[in-house]
N, C-alpha and C. Protein backbone atom coordinates (compact mmCIF):
# COMPACT_ATOMS: atom_id res chain seq x y z
N PHE A 1 0.84 -1.17 0.00
CA PHE A 1 0.00 0.00 0.00
C PHE A 1 0.87 1.23 0.00
N CYS A 2 0.30 2.34 -0.36
CA CYS A 2 1.05 3.59 -0.46
C CYS A 2 0.38 4.66 0.39
N LEU A 3 1.18 5.54 0.92
CA LEU A 3 0.67 6.68 1.67
C LEU A 3 1.11 7.95 0.96
N SER A 4 0.23 8.95 0.94
CA SER A 4 0.59 10.21 0.28
C SER A 4 1.50 11.02 1.19
N ARG A 5 2.41 11.75 0.58
CA ARG A 5 3.32 12.63 1.31
C ARG A 5 3.13 14.04 0.79
N GLY A 6 2.34 14.84 1.51
CA GLY A 6 2.12 16.22 1.08
C GLY A 6 1.05 16.31 0.01
N LEU A 7 1.04 17.42 -0.67
CA LEU A 7 0.04 17.67 -1.70
C LEU A 7 0.56 17.16 -3.04
N GLY A 8 -0.34 16.84 -3.91
CA GLY A 8 0.05 16.42 -5.25
C GLY A 8 0.09 14.90 -5.37
N ASP A 9 0.81 14.44 -6.38
CA ASP A 9 0.85 13.01 -6.70
C ASP A 9 2.11 12.33 -6.18
N VAL A 10 2.75 12.87 -5.18
CA VAL A 10 3.97 12.27 -4.66
C VAL A 10 3.60 11.23 -3.61
N TYR A 11 4.05 9.99 -3.81
CA TYR A 11 3.76 8.91 -2.87
C TYR A 11 5.05 8.30 -2.37
N LYS A 12 5.01 7.87 -1.13
CA LYS A 12 6.13 7.14 -0.56
C LYS A 12 5.65 5.71 -0.33
N ARG A 13 6.31 4.78 -0.90
CA ARG A 13 5.91 3.39 -0.80
C ARG A 13 6.36 2.85 0.56
N GLN A 14 5.42 2.35 1.35
CA GLN A 14 5.73 1.81 2.67
C GLN A 14 6.14 0.34 2.59
N VAL A 15 5.39 -0.44 1.81
CA VAL A 15 5.70 -1.85 1.63
C VAL A 15 5.93 -2.07 0.15
N LYS A 16 7.11 -2.56 -0.19
CA LYS A 16 7.40 -2.82 -1.59
C LYS A 16 6.54 -3.98 -2.07
N PRO A 17 6.27 -4.04 -3.36
CA PRO A 17 5.46 -5.17 -3.86
C PRO A 17 6.11 -6.50 -3.49
N LEU A 18 5.28 -7.47 -3.15
CA LEU A 18 5.80 -8.77 -2.78
C LEU A 18 5.04 -9.85 -3.52
N SER A 19 5.65 -10.99 -3.60
CA SER A 19 4.98 -12.12 -4.24
C SER A 19 5.20 -13.34 -3.38
N GLY A 20 4.31 -14.27 -3.50
CA GLY A 20 4.39 -15.50 -2.74
C GLY A 20 3.19 -16.35 -3.07
N PHE A 21 3.01 -17.40 -2.29
CA PHE A 21 1.83 -18.23 -2.50
C PHE A 21 1.22 -18.62 -1.17
N LEU A 22 -0.07 -18.87 -1.23
CA LEU A 22 -0.84 -19.26 -0.06
C LEU A 22 -1.54 -20.58 -0.36
N HIS A 23 -1.30 -21.57 0.48
CA HIS A 23 -1.96 -22.86 0.34
C HIS A 23 -2.96 -22.96 1.50
N ALA A 24 -4.23 -23.14 1.18
CA ALA A 24 -5.27 -23.18 2.21
C ALA A 24 -6.03 -24.50 2.11
N GLU A 25 -6.23 -25.13 3.28
CA GLU A 25 -7.07 -26.32 3.38
C GLU A 25 -8.18 -26.00 4.37
N ILE A 26 -9.41 -26.16 3.94
CA ILE A 26 -10.55 -25.87 4.80
C ILE A 26 -11.37 -27.14 4.93
N LEU A 27 -11.60 -27.58 6.18
CA LEU A 27 -12.39 -28.78 6.43
C LEU A 27 -13.86 -28.41 6.44
N ARG A 28 -14.64 -29.12 5.68
CA ARG A 28 -16.08 -28.83 5.64
C ARG A 28 -16.77 -29.33 6.89
N ASP A 29 -16.36 -30.49 7.38
CA ASP A 29 -16.93 -31.06 8.61
C ASP A 29 -15.88 -30.97 9.70
N PRO A 30 -15.91 -29.92 10.52
CA PRO A 30 -14.85 -29.74 11.52
C PRO A 30 -14.90 -30.83 12.60
N VAL A 31 -13.73 -31.28 12.96
CA VAL A 31 -13.55 -32.23 14.04
C VAL A 31 -12.91 -31.47 15.18
N VAL A 32 -13.26 -31.80 16.41
CA VAL A 32 -12.77 -31.05 17.56
C VAL A 32 -11.26 -31.10 17.66
N SER A 33 -10.65 -32.24 17.33
CA SER A 33 -9.20 -32.39 17.49
C SER A 33 -8.40 -31.79 16.34
N LYS A 34 -9.07 -31.41 15.24
CA LYS A 34 -8.35 -30.85 14.09
C LYS A 34 -8.81 -29.42 13.84
N PRO A 35 -7.90 -28.56 13.36
CA PRO A 35 -8.32 -27.19 13.06
C PRO A 35 -9.24 -27.14 11.84
N ARG A 36 -10.09 -26.14 11.80
CA ARG A 36 -11.04 -26.00 10.69
C ARG A 36 -10.34 -25.55 9.42
N ALA A 37 -9.32 -24.72 9.54
CA ALA A 37 -8.59 -24.22 8.38
C ALA A 37 -7.10 -24.33 8.64
N ILE A 38 -6.36 -24.74 7.61
CA ILE A 38 -4.91 -24.80 7.68
C ILE A 38 -4.38 -23.91 6.58
N LEU A 39 -3.60 -22.90 6.95
CA LEU A 39 -3.07 -21.95 5.99
C LEU A 39 -1.55 -22.04 5.97
N ASP A 40 -0.96 -22.06 4.77
CA ASP A 40 0.48 -22.08 4.62
C ASP A 40 0.86 -20.96 3.69
N LEU A 41 1.50 -19.92 4.23
CA LEU A 41 1.89 -18.75 3.46
C LEU A 41 3.39 -18.76 3.28
N ASN A 42 3.83 -18.59 2.03
CA ASN A 42 5.26 -18.56 1.74
C ASN A 42 5.57 -17.28 0.98
N VAL A 43 6.32 -16.40 1.61
CA VAL A 43 6.74 -15.14 1.00
C VAL A 43 8.25 -15.08 1.13
N SER A 44 8.93 -14.82 0.02
CA SER A 44 10.39 -14.86 0.06
C SER A 44 10.97 -13.70 0.87
N SER A 45 10.44 -12.49 0.70
CA SER A 45 10.94 -11.36 1.49
C SER A 45 9.88 -10.26 1.54
N ILE A 46 9.94 -9.50 2.61
CA ILE A 46 9.05 -8.35 2.77
C ILE A 46 9.94 -7.16 3.11
N ASP A 47 9.84 -6.10 2.31
CA ASP A 47 10.61 -4.88 2.54
C ASP A 47 9.66 -3.82 3.08
N LEU A 48 10.02 -3.26 4.21
CA LEU A 48 9.19 -2.26 4.87
C LEU A 48 10.04 -1.01 5.06
N ASN A 49 9.58 0.11 4.55
CA ASN A 49 10.30 1.37 4.67
C ASN A 49 9.57 2.26 5.67
N LEU A 50 10.29 2.68 6.71
CA LEU A 50 9.71 3.54 7.73
C LEU A 50 10.59 4.77 7.91
N ASP A 51 9.96 5.91 8.13
CA ASP A 51 10.76 7.07 8.50
C ASP A 51 10.93 7.06 10.01
N SER A 52 11.68 7.99 10.55
CA SER A 52 12.01 7.97 11.98
C SER A 52 10.78 8.12 12.86
N GLU A 53 9.81 8.91 12.43
CA GLU A 53 8.59 9.09 13.23
C GLU A 53 7.77 7.81 13.30
N GLN A 54 7.64 7.13 12.16
CA GLN A 54 6.90 5.87 12.15
C GLN A 54 7.61 4.82 13.00
N PHE A 55 8.93 4.76 12.90
CA PHE A 55 9.70 3.81 13.70
C PHE A 55 9.51 4.09 15.19
N GLN A 56 9.51 5.36 15.56
CA GLN A 56 9.31 5.74 16.96
C GLN A 56 7.93 5.31 17.44
N ARG A 57 6.91 5.45 16.60
CA ARG A 57 5.54 5.03 16.96
C ARG A 57 5.48 3.52 17.21
N ILE A 58 6.18 2.76 16.39
CA ILE A 58 6.21 1.30 16.59
C ILE A 58 6.88 0.96 17.91
N LEU A 59 7.98 1.64 18.23
CA LEU A 59 8.64 1.42 19.51
C LEU A 59 7.73 1.78 20.68
N ASP A 60 6.95 2.86 20.53
CA ASP A 60 6.00 3.25 21.56
C ASP A 60 4.95 2.17 21.79
N VAL A 61 4.48 1.55 20.72
CA VAL A 61 3.49 0.48 20.85
C VAL A 61 4.09 -0.69 21.63
N PHE A 62 5.32 -1.07 21.31
CA PHE A 62 5.96 -2.16 22.05
C PHE A 62 6.17 -1.81 23.52
N ASP A 63 6.52 -0.55 23.79
CA ASP A 63 6.66 -0.11 25.18
C ASP A 63 5.33 -0.23 25.93
N ASN A 64 4.24 0.16 25.26
CA ASN A 64 2.92 0.05 25.90
C ASN A 64 2.54 -1.40 26.18
N PHE A 65 2.91 -2.31 25.27
CA PHE A 65 2.65 -3.72 25.51
C PHE A 65 3.40 -4.21 26.74
N SER A 66 4.65 -3.80 26.89
CA SER A 66 5.42 -4.24 28.05
C SER A 66 4.87 -3.66 29.34
N LEU A 67 4.42 -2.40 29.31
CA LEU A 67 3.80 -1.81 30.50
C LEU A 67 2.50 -2.53 30.87
N TYR A 68 1.73 -2.89 29.86
CA TYR A 68 0.49 -3.63 30.11
C TYR A 68 0.79 -4.99 30.72
N ALA A 69 1.82 -5.66 30.22
CA ALA A 69 2.18 -6.98 30.75
C ALA A 69 2.61 -6.88 32.22
N LYS A 70 3.32 -5.80 32.57
CA LYS A 70 3.72 -5.62 33.96
C LYS A 70 2.51 -5.36 34.86
N ALA A 71 1.58 -4.56 34.37
CA ALA A 71 0.40 -4.22 35.18
C ALA A 71 -0.60 -5.36 35.24
N PHE A 72 -0.59 -6.25 34.26
CA PHE A 72 -1.58 -7.32 34.17
C PHE A 72 -1.53 -8.25 35.38
N GLN A 73 -0.34 -8.52 35.91
CA GLN A 73 -0.21 -9.44 37.02
C GLN A 73 -0.84 -8.91 38.31
N TYR A 74 -1.12 -7.62 38.38
CA TYR A 74 -1.71 -7.04 39.58
C TYR A 74 -3.20 -6.72 39.44
N LEU A 75 -3.79 -7.05 38.30
CA LEU A 75 -5.21 -6.73 38.09
C LEU A 75 -6.12 -7.42 39.09
N ARG A 76 -5.74 -8.61 39.56
CA ARG A 76 -6.62 -9.31 40.50
C ARG A 76 -6.70 -8.61 41.85
N PHE A 77 -5.72 -7.76 42.17
CA PHE A 77 -5.74 -7.03 43.43
C PHE A 77 -6.44 -5.67 43.31
N ARG A 78 -6.71 -5.25 42.09
CA ARG A 78 -7.25 -3.91 41.84
C ARG A 78 -8.68 -3.80 42.37
N PRO A 79 -9.03 -2.66 43.01
CA PRO A 79 -10.39 -2.50 43.55
C PRO A 79 -11.43 -2.37 42.43
N GLU A 80 -12.67 -2.60 42.80
CA GLU A 80 -13.78 -2.49 41.85
C GLU A 80 -13.93 -1.04 41.39
N PRO A 81 -14.46 -0.83 40.18
CA PRO A 81 -14.64 0.55 39.69
C PRO A 81 -15.54 1.41 40.59
N SER A 82 -16.46 0.78 41.30
CA SER A 82 -17.35 1.56 42.17
C SER A 82 -16.62 2.11 43.40
N GLN A 83 -15.41 1.63 43.66
CA GLN A 83 -14.67 2.04 44.85
C GLN A 83 -13.50 2.96 44.51
N LYS A 84 -13.59 3.67 43.42
CA LYS A 84 -12.48 4.52 42.97
C LYS A 84 -12.18 5.65 43.94
N LEU A 85 -13.17 6.11 44.69
CA LEU A 85 -12.96 7.24 45.57
C LEU A 85 -12.65 6.83 47.00
N LYS A 86 -12.42 5.54 47.24
CA LYS A 86 -12.13 5.07 48.60
C LYS A 86 -10.64 4.77 48.71
N PRO A 87 -9.89 5.65 49.38
CA PRO A 87 -8.43 5.51 49.44
C PRO A 87 -7.96 4.22 50.10
N HIS A 88 -8.69 3.72 51.11
CA HIS A 88 -8.21 2.53 51.80
C HIS A 88 -8.20 1.32 50.87
N HIS A 89 -9.08 1.27 49.88
CA HIS A 89 -9.06 0.18 48.91
C HIS A 89 -7.81 0.28 48.02
N TRP A 90 -7.42 1.50 47.69
CA TRP A 90 -6.22 1.66 46.86
C TRP A 90 -4.96 1.37 47.66
N TRP A 91 -4.95 1.68 48.96
CA TRP A 91 -3.81 1.31 49.79
C TRP A 91 -3.71 -0.20 49.92
N LYS A 92 -4.85 -0.86 50.06
CA LYS A 92 -4.85 -2.32 50.12
C LYS A 92 -4.33 -2.90 48.81
N PHE A 93 -4.72 -2.32 47.66
CA PHE A 93 -4.23 -2.75 46.36
C PHE A 93 -2.70 -2.62 46.29
N ALA A 94 -2.17 -1.48 46.73
CA ALA A 94 -0.72 -1.25 46.70
C ALA A 94 0.01 -2.24 47.59
N ILE A 95 -0.50 -2.46 48.80
CA ILE A 95 0.15 -3.37 49.75
C ILE A 95 0.09 -4.81 49.24
N ASP A 96 -1.06 -5.24 48.72
CA ASP A 96 -1.19 -6.60 48.19
C ASP A 96 -0.27 -6.83 47.00
N SER A 97 -0.14 -5.83 46.13
CA SER A 97 0.72 -5.95 44.96
C SER A 97 2.18 -6.11 45.37
N VAL A 98 2.63 -5.27 46.29
CA VAL A 98 4.02 -5.34 46.74
C VAL A 98 4.27 -6.65 47.49
N THR A 99 3.34 -7.05 48.35
CA THR A 99 3.48 -8.30 49.10
C THR A 99 3.57 -9.49 48.15
N HIS A 100 2.74 -9.48 47.13
CA HIS A 100 2.75 -10.57 46.15
C HIS A 100 4.11 -10.66 45.45
N THR A 101 4.63 -9.52 45.03
CA THR A 101 5.91 -9.50 44.32
C THR A 101 7.05 -9.95 45.22
N VAL A 102 7.09 -9.45 46.45
CA VAL A 102 8.16 -9.80 47.38
C VAL A 102 8.10 -11.27 47.75
N SER A 103 6.91 -11.80 48.04
CA SER A 103 6.81 -13.21 48.42
C SER A 103 7.15 -14.13 47.25
N LYS A 104 6.79 -13.71 46.04
CA LYS A 104 7.11 -14.50 44.85
C LYS A 104 8.62 -14.57 44.65
N GLU A 105 9.30 -13.43 44.82
CA GLU A 105 10.75 -13.41 44.66
C GLU A 105 11.44 -14.16 45.79
N ALA A 106 10.93 -14.08 47.00
CA ALA A 106 11.53 -14.79 48.13
C ALA A 106 11.36 -16.30 47.97
N ARG A 107 10.20 -16.72 47.50
CA ARG A 107 9.93 -18.15 47.30
C ARG A 107 10.82 -18.72 46.20
N GLN A 108 11.18 -17.91 45.26
CA GLN A 108 11.98 -18.36 44.12
C GLN A 108 13.38 -18.81 44.56
N TRP A 109 13.90 -18.29 45.67
CA TRP A 109 15.27 -18.57 46.08
C TRP A 109 15.37 -19.49 47.29
N THR A 110 14.38 -20.33 47.54
CA THR A 110 14.46 -21.27 48.65
C THR A 110 14.99 -22.61 48.14
N TRP A 111 15.59 -23.39 49.05
CA TRP A 111 16.13 -24.70 48.67
C TRP A 111 15.01 -25.65 48.26
N GLU A 112 13.87 -25.51 48.89
CA GLU A 112 12.72 -26.35 48.54
C GLU A 112 12.28 -26.09 47.10
N ASN A 113 12.30 -24.83 46.71
CA ASN A 113 11.92 -24.49 45.33
C ASN A 113 12.95 -25.03 44.33
N PHE A 114 14.25 -24.94 44.68
CA PHE A 114 15.28 -25.50 43.80
C PHE A 114 15.06 -27.00 43.61
N LYS A 115 14.76 -27.70 44.70
CA LYS A 115 14.55 -29.14 44.63
C LYS A 115 13.33 -29.47 43.76
N THR A 116 12.24 -28.74 43.97
CA THR A 116 11.03 -28.97 43.19
C THR A 116 11.26 -28.70 41.71
N ARG A 117 11.94 -27.60 41.40
CA ARG A 117 12.21 -27.27 39.99
C ARG A 117 13.09 -28.33 39.33
N LYS A 118 14.06 -28.85 40.08
CA LYS A 118 14.94 -29.88 39.54
C LYS A 118 14.14 -31.14 39.22
N GLN A 119 13.25 -31.54 40.14
CA GLN A 119 12.43 -32.72 39.91
C GLN A 119 11.49 -32.51 38.73
N GLN A 120 10.89 -31.32 38.63
CA GLN A 120 10.00 -31.03 37.51
C GLN A 120 10.76 -31.06 36.18
N ARG A 121 11.96 -30.49 36.19
CA ARG A 121 12.75 -30.44 34.96
C ARG A 121 13.15 -31.85 34.51
N GLU A 122 13.58 -32.71 35.46
CA GLU A 122 13.94 -34.08 35.11
C GLU A 122 12.73 -34.85 34.56
N LYS A 123 11.58 -34.66 35.19
CA LYS A 123 10.37 -35.33 34.72
C LYS A 123 9.99 -34.83 33.34
N TYR A 124 10.09 -33.52 33.12
CA TYR A 124 9.77 -32.93 31.81
C TYR A 124 10.69 -33.51 30.73
N ILE A 125 11.98 -33.63 31.02
CA ILE A 125 12.94 -34.16 30.03
C ILE A 125 12.59 -35.60 29.68
N ASN A 126 12.31 -36.42 30.70
CA ASN A 126 11.96 -37.82 30.45
C ASN A 126 10.67 -37.94 29.63
N LEU A 127 9.66 -37.14 29.97
CA LEU A 127 8.41 -37.18 29.21
C LEU A 127 8.61 -36.65 27.79
N TRP A 128 9.46 -35.65 27.63
CA TRP A 128 9.71 -35.11 26.30
C TRP A 128 10.38 -36.16 25.40
N ILE A 129 11.31 -36.93 25.97
CA ILE A 129 11.97 -37.99 25.21
C ILE A 129 10.94 -39.04 24.78
N LYS A 130 10.05 -39.41 25.70
CA LYS A 130 8.99 -40.36 25.35
C LYS A 130 8.09 -39.80 24.25
N ARG A 131 7.81 -38.51 24.34
CA ARG A 131 6.95 -37.88 23.33
C ARG A 131 7.62 -37.88 21.96
N GLN A 132 8.93 -37.62 21.93
CA GLN A 132 9.65 -37.62 20.66
C GLN A 132 9.68 -39.01 20.02
N LYS A 133 9.63 -40.05 20.84
CA LYS A 133 9.61 -41.43 20.34
C LYS A 133 8.19 -41.92 20.09
N PHE A 134 7.19 -41.03 20.24
CA PHE A 134 5.77 -41.34 20.06
C PHE A 134 5.30 -42.45 21.01
N GLN A 135 5.83 -42.45 22.24
CA GLN A 135 5.45 -43.45 23.23
C GLN A 135 4.67 -42.84 24.39
N ALA A 136 4.39 -41.57 24.34
CA ALA A 136 3.71 -40.90 25.45
C ALA A 136 2.21 -41.14 25.39
N THR A 137 1.63 -41.42 26.55
CA THR A 137 0.19 -41.61 26.65
C THR A 137 -0.48 -40.24 26.71
N PRO A 138 -1.81 -40.17 26.53
CA PRO A 138 -2.49 -38.87 26.63
C PRO A 138 -2.31 -38.20 28.00
N GLU A 139 -2.26 -39.00 29.07
CA GLU A 139 -2.03 -38.42 30.40
C GLU A 139 -0.64 -37.79 30.48
N GLU A 140 0.34 -38.46 29.87
CA GLU A 140 1.69 -37.90 29.87
C GLU A 140 1.78 -36.65 29.00
N GLN A 141 1.00 -36.60 27.93
CA GLN A 141 0.94 -35.40 27.10
C GLN A 141 0.42 -34.22 27.92
N ASP A 142 -0.62 -34.49 28.74
CA ASP A 142 -1.16 -33.44 29.61
C ASP A 142 -0.13 -33.01 30.65
N GLN A 143 0.62 -33.98 31.17
CA GLN A 143 1.67 -33.65 32.15
C GLN A 143 2.74 -32.77 31.51
N ILE A 144 3.09 -33.07 30.25
CA ILE A 144 4.10 -32.26 29.55
C ILE A 144 3.61 -30.82 29.43
N LYS A 145 2.34 -30.64 29.05
CA LYS A 145 1.79 -29.29 28.92
C LYS A 145 1.81 -28.55 30.25
N GLN A 146 1.41 -29.25 31.33
CA GLN A 146 1.39 -28.61 32.64
C GLN A 146 2.80 -28.28 33.12
N LEU A 147 3.75 -29.19 32.92
CA LEU A 147 5.13 -28.93 33.32
C LEU A 147 5.73 -27.78 32.51
N HIS A 148 5.36 -27.70 31.24
CA HIS A 148 5.85 -26.59 30.42
C HIS A 148 5.38 -25.25 30.97
N ILE A 149 4.14 -25.20 31.41
CA ILE A 149 3.60 -23.98 32.00
C ILE A 149 4.30 -23.69 33.33
N ASP A 150 4.49 -24.73 34.16
CA ASP A 150 5.11 -24.53 35.47
C ASP A 150 6.56 -24.10 35.36
N LEU A 151 7.28 -24.60 34.37
CA LEU A 151 8.71 -24.32 34.25
C LEU A 151 9.01 -23.01 33.53
N GLU A 152 8.00 -22.36 32.99
CA GLU A 152 8.23 -21.07 32.32
C GLU A 152 8.61 -20.01 33.32
């Protein structure tokens, strides 16, 4: 697509023309275990031209995503919208947020946590090897998913 720059017929190309192919498979009768559509897009290269202002806007968007991710972990402690004018609820929110962060960091460095993580990691490795050999049962597949979440 093109964006105009100033008055007249002067255009600055943002994305250069590209070529590629798209392979799409759509299942008419969807099955729960299989996706309804499978798309395979192959594009050799994409050239994107940005000026400094556009690049700065993209960086700002990424900064906002990181700020949102930091604030997201404390949303469960946030007071209800109807209590916006009650300071003691906001003090409780601040105290709960800090307490949660401090206790999480303190728990991370205990010997019990090291032992548990080591056991989880060893179990995950053994189950992953079984999975690669196609010998894992459905229960073990579920354990792999849960251990992957726990070890992140």
